[in-house]
Amino acid sequence: MKKPRRSPKHFYSAERFSMKTYIQEREEMMVKIVVDNHKCTGCGTCVDTCPVGVYEVKDGKSAAVKPDECLVCRACEVQCPEAAIQVVE
C-alpha cells in the first residue's frame, strides 16, 4: 500500500512551524554583551580573541557589533585586561 502524498500546503505549514520554533529557541539563547566604556581602553584583545568576530574597535572603544553570533565561550571576558566585558545569559 502506497503512502498518501503530502500536499504542498501541509509541507509549507510544517516548514513554517519549524522556522518559528527555531526563531523562538534562538531568541531564548541570545546573550547580552556589556562593554563598560569607562574601563575599556580599546586595546583590541577582545577583537583578537573572539573566534566568531563579535567585536570591533570603534572610536577607540570595543563594541559588540554581532552579538547574535556569540558562542558564549567567554574568552573575551577572560582575556580582557581591564575586565570591561560581561557576557550575560
N, C-alpha and C. Protein backbone atom coordinates (compact mmCIF):
# COMPACT_ATOMS: atom_id res chain seq x y z
N MET A 1 0.83 -1.17 0.00
CA MET A 1 0.00 0.00 0.00
C MET A 1 0.89 1.24 0.00
N LYS A 2 0.58 2.16 -0.89
CA LYS A 2 1.35 3.38 -1.01
C LYS A 2 0.96 4.37 0.08
N LYS A 3 1.97 5.12 0.53
CA LYS A 3 1.68 6.19 1.49
C LYS A 3 1.03 7.35 0.76
N PRO A 4 0.08 8.00 1.40
CA PRO A 4 -0.51 9.16 0.75
C PRO A 4 0.52 10.29 0.66
N ARG A 5 0.51 11.01 -0.44
CA ARG A 5 1.43 12.13 -0.63
C ARG A 5 0.96 13.33 0.16
N ARG A 6 1.89 14.01 0.74
CA ARG A 6 1.56 15.24 1.45
C ARG A 6 1.28 16.34 0.44
N SER A 7 0.33 17.11 0.75
CA SER A 7 0.05 18.24 -0.12
C SER A 7 1.07 19.34 0.14
N PRO A 8 1.35 20.17 -0.83
CA PRO A 8 2.30 21.27 -0.61
C PRO A 8 1.89 22.16 0.56
N LYS A 9 0.60 22.36 0.75
CA LYS A 9 0.13 23.21 1.85
C LYS A 9 0.58 22.64 3.18
N HIS A 10 0.46 21.33 3.36
CA HIS A 10 0.87 20.67 4.60
C HIS A 10 2.38 20.82 4.80
N PHE A 11 3.12 20.66 3.71
CA PHE A 11 4.57 20.77 3.78
C PHE A 11 4.99 22.17 4.24
N TYR A 12 4.43 23.16 3.63
CA TYR A 12 4.81 24.53 3.98
C TYR A 12 4.40 24.91 5.39
N SER A 13 3.28 24.42 5.86
CA SER A 13 2.89 24.76 7.23
C SER A 13 3.85 24.12 8.23
N ALA A 14 4.31 22.91 7.95
CA ALA A 14 5.29 22.27 8.82
C ALA A 14 6.61 23.04 8.78
N GLU A 15 6.97 23.52 7.58
CA GLU A 15 8.20 24.29 7.45
C GLU A 15 8.12 25.59 8.24
N ARG A 16 6.99 26.25 8.19
CA ARG A 16 6.82 27.49 8.94
C ARG A 16 6.89 27.23 10.44
N PHE A 17 6.29 26.13 10.88
CA PHE A 17 6.34 25.79 12.30
C PHE A 17 7.78 25.57 12.73
N SER A 18 8.54 24.86 11.93
CA SER A 18 9.94 24.61 12.27
C SER A 18 10.73 25.90 12.36
N MET A 19 10.50 26.81 11.42
CA MET A 19 11.21 28.09 11.43
C MET A 19 10.80 28.91 12.65
N LYS A 20 9.52 28.90 12.98
CA LYS A 20 9.05 29.63 14.15
C LYS A 20 9.70 29.07 15.41
N THR A 21 9.76 27.76 15.53
CA THR A 21 10.39 27.12 16.68
C THR A 21 11.86 27.49 16.75
N TYR A 22 12.53 27.46 15.60
CA TYR A 22 13.96 27.82 15.55
C TYR A 22 14.17 29.25 16.03
N ILE A 23 13.35 30.17 15.55
CA ILE A 23 13.49 31.57 15.93
C ILE A 23 13.26 31.76 17.42
N GLN A 24 12.24 31.09 17.97
CA GLN A 24 11.97 31.20 19.40
C GLN A 24 13.13 30.66 20.21
N GLU A 25 13.68 29.51 19.80
CA GLU A 25 14.80 28.93 20.53
C GLU A 25 16.03 29.84 20.44
N ARG A 26 16.25 30.42 19.27
CA ARG A 26 17.40 31.30 19.08
C ARG A 26 17.28 32.54 19.97
N GLU A 27 16.06 33.10 20.06
CA GLU A 27 15.85 34.29 20.90
C GLU A 27 16.09 33.96 22.37
N GLU A 28 15.73 32.75 22.80
CA GLU A 28 15.95 32.35 24.18
C GLU A 28 17.44 32.17 24.47
N MET A 29 18.20 31.78 23.46
CA MET A 29 19.63 31.53 23.63
C MET A 29 20.46 32.80 23.52
N MET A 30 19.90 33.87 23.01
CA MET A 30 20.68 35.08 22.77
C MET A 30 21.22 35.64 24.09
N VAL A 31 22.39 36.18 23.99
CA VAL A 31 23.06 36.75 25.15
C VAL A 31 23.16 38.26 24.99
N LYS A 32 23.42 38.91 26.08
CA LYS A 32 23.66 40.35 26.06
C LYS A 32 25.13 40.55 26.39
N ILE A 33 25.80 41.34 25.58
CA ILE A 33 27.20 41.62 25.81
C ILE A 33 27.31 43.07 26.27
N VAL A 34 27.89 43.24 27.45
CA VAL A 34 28.02 44.57 28.04
C VAL A 34 29.50 44.94 28.07
N VAL A 35 29.81 46.06 27.43
CA VAL A 35 31.18 46.59 27.46
C VAL A 35 31.15 47.87 28.28
N ASP A 36 31.90 47.88 29.37
CA ASP A 36 32.00 49.06 30.23
C ASP A 36 32.97 50.05 29.58
N ASN A 37 32.43 51.09 28.98
CA ASN A 37 33.27 52.05 28.26
C ASN A 37 34.20 52.85 29.16
N HIS A 38 33.91 52.89 30.44
CA HIS A 38 34.81 53.58 31.38
C HIS A 38 36.07 52.75 31.63
N LYS A 39 35.93 51.44 31.58
CA LYS A 39 37.07 50.55 31.80
C LYS A 39 37.82 50.23 30.51
N CYS A 40 37.10 50.17 29.40
CA CYS A 40 37.68 49.75 28.12
C CYS A 40 38.74 50.75 27.65
N THR A 41 39.91 50.21 27.27
CA THR A 41 40.99 51.05 26.76
C THR A 41 41.12 50.96 25.24
N GLY A 42 40.32 50.10 24.63
CA GLY A 42 40.37 49.93 23.18
C GLY A 42 41.59 49.17 22.70
N CYS A 43 42.12 48.29 23.55
CA CYS A 43 43.34 47.56 23.21
C CYS A 43 43.14 46.54 22.09
N GLY A 44 41.90 46.08 21.89
CA GLY A 44 41.61 45.14 20.81
C GLY A 44 41.81 43.68 21.16
N THR A 45 42.05 43.39 22.42
CA THR A 45 42.22 41.99 22.82
C THR A 45 40.97 41.18 22.53
N CYS A 46 39.81 41.76 22.76
CA CYS A 46 38.55 41.06 22.50
C CYS A 46 38.38 40.77 21.01
N VAL A 47 38.81 41.71 20.17
CA VAL A 47 38.72 41.54 18.72
C VAL A 47 39.59 40.35 18.30
N ASP A 48 40.79 40.28 18.85
CA ASP A 48 41.72 39.21 18.50
C ASP A 48 41.32 37.87 19.11
N THR A 49 40.66 37.90 20.25
CA THR A 49 40.32 36.68 20.98
C THR A 49 39.04 36.02 20.47
N CYS A 50 38.06 36.79 20.11
CA CYS A 50 36.75 36.24 19.74
C CYS A 50 36.85 35.36 18.49
N PRO A 51 36.44 34.10 18.58
CA PRO A 51 36.56 33.20 17.43
C PRO A 51 35.55 33.47 16.31
N VAL A 52 34.51 34.24 16.58
CA VAL A 52 33.49 34.49 15.55
C VAL A 52 33.36 35.97 15.15
N GLY A 53 34.24 36.81 15.63
CA GLY A 53 34.26 38.21 15.20
C GLY A 53 33.11 39.06 15.71
N VAL A 54 32.75 38.90 16.97
CA VAL A 54 31.66 39.68 17.56
C VAL A 54 32.06 41.14 17.73
N TYR A 55 33.35 41.41 17.98
CA TYR A 55 33.79 42.75 18.37
C TYR A 55 34.52 43.50 17.26
N GLU A 56 34.42 44.83 17.36
CA GLU A 56 35.22 45.76 16.57
C GLU A 56 35.59 46.91 17.50
N VAL A 57 36.69 47.56 17.21
CA VAL A 57 37.06 48.75 17.96
C VAL A 57 36.53 49.95 17.17
N LYS A 58 35.65 50.70 17.81
CA LYS A 58 35.06 51.90 17.19
C LYS A 58 35.27 53.08 18.12
N ASP A 59 35.76 54.17 17.58
CA ASP A 59 36.01 55.39 18.36
C ASP A 59 36.88 55.10 19.59
N GLY A 60 37.84 54.21 19.42
CA GLY A 60 38.78 53.91 20.50
C GLY A 60 38.25 53.02 21.60
N LYS A 61 37.07 52.44 21.40
CA LYS A 61 36.48 51.54 22.41
C LYS A 61 35.96 50.28 21.72
N SER A 62 35.90 49.20 22.46
CA SER A 62 35.36 47.96 21.93
C SER A 62 33.84 48.05 21.81
N ALA A 63 33.32 47.45 20.73
CA ALA A 63 31.87 47.42 20.53
C ALA A 63 31.48 46.03 20.03
N ALA A 64 30.42 45.49 20.61
CA ALA A 64 29.90 44.20 20.16
C ALA A 64 29.01 44.46 18.95
N VAL A 65 29.53 44.24 17.75
CA VAL A 65 28.79 44.56 16.53
C VAL A 65 27.94 43.39 16.02
N LYS A 66 28.26 42.18 16.48
CA LYS A 66 27.48 41.00 16.07
C LYS A 66 27.19 40.11 17.29
N PRO A 67 26.47 40.62 18.28
CA PRO A 67 26.23 39.83 19.49
C PRO A 67 25.41 38.57 19.24
N ASP A 68 24.61 38.56 18.17
CA ASP A 68 23.81 37.38 17.87
C ASP A 68 24.65 36.19 17.43
N GLU A 69 25.92 36.41 17.11
CA GLU A 69 26.81 35.32 16.71
C GLU A 69 27.66 34.79 17.86
N CYS A 70 27.48 35.35 19.05
CA CYS A 70 28.27 34.96 20.21
C CYS A 70 28.07 33.48 20.54
N LEU A 71 29.17 32.78 20.79
CA LEU A 71 29.14 31.37 21.15
C LEU A 71 29.08 31.15 22.66
N VAL A 72 29.15 32.21 23.42
CA VAL A 72 29.19 32.19 24.88
C VAL A 72 30.39 31.37 25.37
N CYS A 73 31.51 31.52 24.70
CA CYS A 73 32.73 30.84 25.14
C CYS A 73 33.41 31.63 26.25
N ARG A 74 33.06 32.91 26.36
CA ARG A 74 33.55 33.81 27.39
C ARG A 74 35.06 34.09 27.31
N ALA A 75 35.66 33.80 26.18
CA ALA A 75 37.08 34.09 26.01
C ALA A 75 37.35 35.58 26.12
N CYS A 76 36.43 36.39 25.64
CA CYS A 76 36.58 37.85 25.72
C CYS A 76 36.60 38.32 27.17
N GLU A 77 35.72 37.77 27.98
CA GLU A 77 35.68 38.14 29.41
C GLU A 77 36.98 37.79 30.11
N VAL A 78 37.46 36.60 29.83
CA VAL A 78 38.67 36.11 30.50
C VAL A 78 39.91 36.88 30.04
N GLN A 79 40.00 37.17 28.76
CA GLN A 79 41.20 37.79 28.21
C GLN A 79 41.25 39.31 28.34
N CYS A 80 40.12 39.96 28.57
CA CYS A 80 40.11 41.41 28.67
C CYS A 80 40.97 41.87 29.86
N PRO A 81 42.04 42.62 29.61
CA PRO A 81 42.93 43.01 30.71
C PRO A 81 42.30 44.00 31.69
N GLU A 82 41.24 44.68 31.28
CA GLU A 82 40.59 45.65 32.15
C GLU A 82 39.28 45.14 32.75
N ALA A 83 38.92 43.88 32.45
CA ALA A 83 37.66 43.29 32.91
C ALA A 83 36.46 44.18 32.53
N ALA A 84 36.50 44.66 31.29
CA ALA A 84 35.48 45.59 30.83
C ALA A 84 34.30 44.90 30.12
N ILE A 85 34.42 43.59 29.90
CA ILE A 85 33.39 42.87 29.14
C ILE A 85 32.65 41.89 30.05
N GLN A 86 31.36 41.90 29.88
CA GLN A 86 30.49 40.97 30.62
C GLN A 86 29.53 40.32 29.63
N VAL A 87 29.49 39.00 29.61
CA VAL A 87 28.55 38.25 28.78
C VAL A 87 27.43 37.77 29.68
N VAL A 88 26.23 38.27 29.43
CA VAL A 88 25.07 37.98 30.29
C VAL A 88 24.14 37.03 29.55
N GLU A 89 23.89 35.88 30.16
CA GLU A 89 22.98 34.90 29.55
C GLU A 89 21.58 35.11 30.02
